Protein backbone atom coordinates (compact mmCIF):
# COMPACT_ATOMS: atom_id res chain seq x y z
CA MET A 1 136.95 123.47 205.86
CA LEU A 2 136.50 127.00 204.21
CA TYR A 3 137.67 125.57 200.97
CA TYR A 4 134.97 122.95 200.89
CA THR A 5 132.37 125.41 201.93
CA LEU A 6 133.40 127.63 198.99
CA LYS A 7 133.21 124.59 196.69
CA VAL A 8 129.65 123.83 197.73
CA LEU A 9 128.47 127.37 197.65
CA VAL A 10 129.80 128.05 194.09
CA SER A 11 128.34 124.76 192.91
CA ALA A 12 124.90 125.46 194.61
CA LEU A 13 124.79 128.97 193.31
CA LEU A 14 125.16 127.69 189.74
CA ILE A 15 122.18 125.38 190.11
CA VAL A 16 120.07 128.08 191.71
CA ALA A 17 121.01 130.62 188.98
CA ILE A 18 120.05 128.15 186.25
CA THR A 19 116.57 127.54 187.80
CA GLU A 20 116.06 131.27 188.35
CA ILE A 21 117.08 131.97 184.67
CA ALA A 22 114.67 129.26 183.51
CA LYS A 23 111.73 131.17 185.09
CA ARG A 24 112.48 134.02 182.72
CA SER A 25 113.86 132.37 179.66
CA SER A 26 113.97 128.67 179.15
CA GLY A 27 116.08 129.09 176.07
CA PHE A 28 118.82 130.95 177.91
CA ALA A 29 118.46 128.59 180.83
CA ALA A 30 118.87 125.63 178.48
CA LEU A 31 122.01 127.20 177.11
CA VAL A 32 123.50 127.79 180.49
CA ALA A 33 122.54 124.27 181.69
CA SER A 34 123.97 122.68 178.52
CA LEU A 35 127.33 124.22 179.24
CA PRO A 36 129.62 121.71 180.88
CA LEU A 37 129.78 123.84 184.06
CA THR A 38 129.87 120.86 186.48
CA SER A 39 132.82 119.39 184.56
CA LEU A 40 134.58 122.82 184.32
CA LEU A 41 134.14 123.36 188.04
CA ALA A 42 135.53 119.84 188.71
CA PHE A 43 138.53 120.53 186.55
CA ILE A 44 139.17 123.93 188.22
CA TRP A 45 138.86 122.35 191.72
CA LEU A 46 141.20 119.48 190.73
CA HIS A 47 143.79 121.83 189.30
CA VAL A 48 143.53 124.19 192.45
CA GLU A 49 144.12 121.09 194.59
CA GLY A 50 147.29 120.22 192.66
CA THR A 51 145.99 117.23 190.56
CA PRO A 52 148.38 116.43 187.70
CA ALA A 53 147.20 117.55 184.30
CA SER A 54 147.27 113.97 182.97
CA GLU A 55 144.66 113.01 185.51
CA ILE A 56 142.46 115.95 184.68
CA ALA A 57 142.91 115.08 180.86
CA GLY A 58 141.80 111.45 181.72
CA LEU A 59 138.78 112.68 183.57
CA SER A 60 137.78 114.85 180.62
CA SER A 61 138.14 111.96 178.18
CA GLN A 62 135.93 109.86 180.46
CA ILE A 63 133.26 112.45 180.81
CA PHE A 64 133.10 112.62 177.03
CA TRP A 65 132.23 108.98 176.61
CA LEU A 66 129.79 109.05 179.48
CA VAL A 67 127.96 112.06 178.18
CA LEU A 68 126.78 110.04 175.20
CA PRO A 69 124.32 107.70 177.06
CA SER A 70 123.07 110.63 179.18
CA LEU A 71 121.67 112.11 176.01
CA ALA A 72 118.95 109.53 176.15
CA LEU A 73 117.28 111.56 179.05
CA PHE A 74 117.17 114.66 176.92
CA VAL A 75 115.60 112.92 173.93
CA LEU A 76 113.08 110.79 175.81
CA LEU A 77 111.83 113.29 178.48
CA PRO A 78 110.26 115.77 176.15
CA LEU A 79 108.83 112.92 173.95
CA LEU A 80 107.11 111.36 176.94
CA LEU A 81 105.90 114.67 178.32
CA ARG A 82 104.51 115.54 174.83
CA GLN A 83 102.72 112.24 174.73
CA GLY A 84 100.75 113.37 177.84
CA LEU A 85 102.62 111.21 180.45
CA GLY A 86 102.88 112.87 183.83
CA PHE A 87 106.04 114.54 184.87
CA TRP A 88 107.26 111.95 187.43
CA LEU A 89 106.44 108.99 185.23
CA SER A 90 108.12 110.59 182.20
CA LEU A 91 111.20 111.45 184.34
CA GLY A 92 111.32 107.90 185.76
CA LEU A 93 111.08 106.22 182.44
CA ALA A 94 113.57 108.58 180.78
CA SER A 95 115.93 108.05 183.77
CA ALA A 96 115.48 104.27 183.54
CA ALA A 97 116.27 104.25 179.84
CA THR A 98 119.36 106.46 180.55
CA ILE A 99 120.62 103.81 183.13
CA VAL A 100 120.09 101.11 180.50
CA CYS A 101 122.11 103.21 178.04
CA TYR A 102 124.84 103.56 180.55
CA LEU A 103 124.93 99.82 181.31
CA ALA A 104 125.03 99.07 177.62
CA MET A 105 127.83 101.64 177.02
CA LEU A 106 130.26 100.48 179.74
CA PRO A 107 130.96 97.10 178.24
CA LEU A 108 131.07 98.54 174.74
CA LEU A 109 133.69 101.02 175.87
CA ARG A 110 135.76 98.28 177.56
CA LYS A 111 135.50 96.21 174.38
CA PHE A 112 137.07 99.08 172.45
CA GLY A 113 139.73 99.75 175.06
CA VAL A 114 138.45 102.90 176.54
CA GLN A 115 139.50 103.01 180.17
CA LEU A 116 137.01 104.21 182.79
C-alpha cells in the first residue's frame, strides 16, 4: 500500500510542478511537460517491480508509435485557439481529431506488423 501511495504522490507532484512552472514561464513548463516523464516513471516503476527488460523495451517501442497520433492535439489546439474558438470547444475538437488519428494509426501499424 505504501508503494502505491508513493507512486501516486510522485506522479501527482510532477503534474502540480508543471502547472506551477507554467504560471511563471510557459516556455520552461512546455519543456518540462514535453519530456517523456510519464513514460520514464512507468519504466522506473516497472523496473522496480521486477518487470523483464524485454517487456519494458516493448512498452517503449509501443509508446513511440502512439506518440505520433497524439501530436495532432498539439498542432490543432493552438490553431483553433488562435482562430478565436473558445477553450473548451478547441480542446474538444483537437481531442476528437486526436482520437481519429489514433483510430487511423492502429490499423496502419497492424498492416506494417507493429505489435501493440
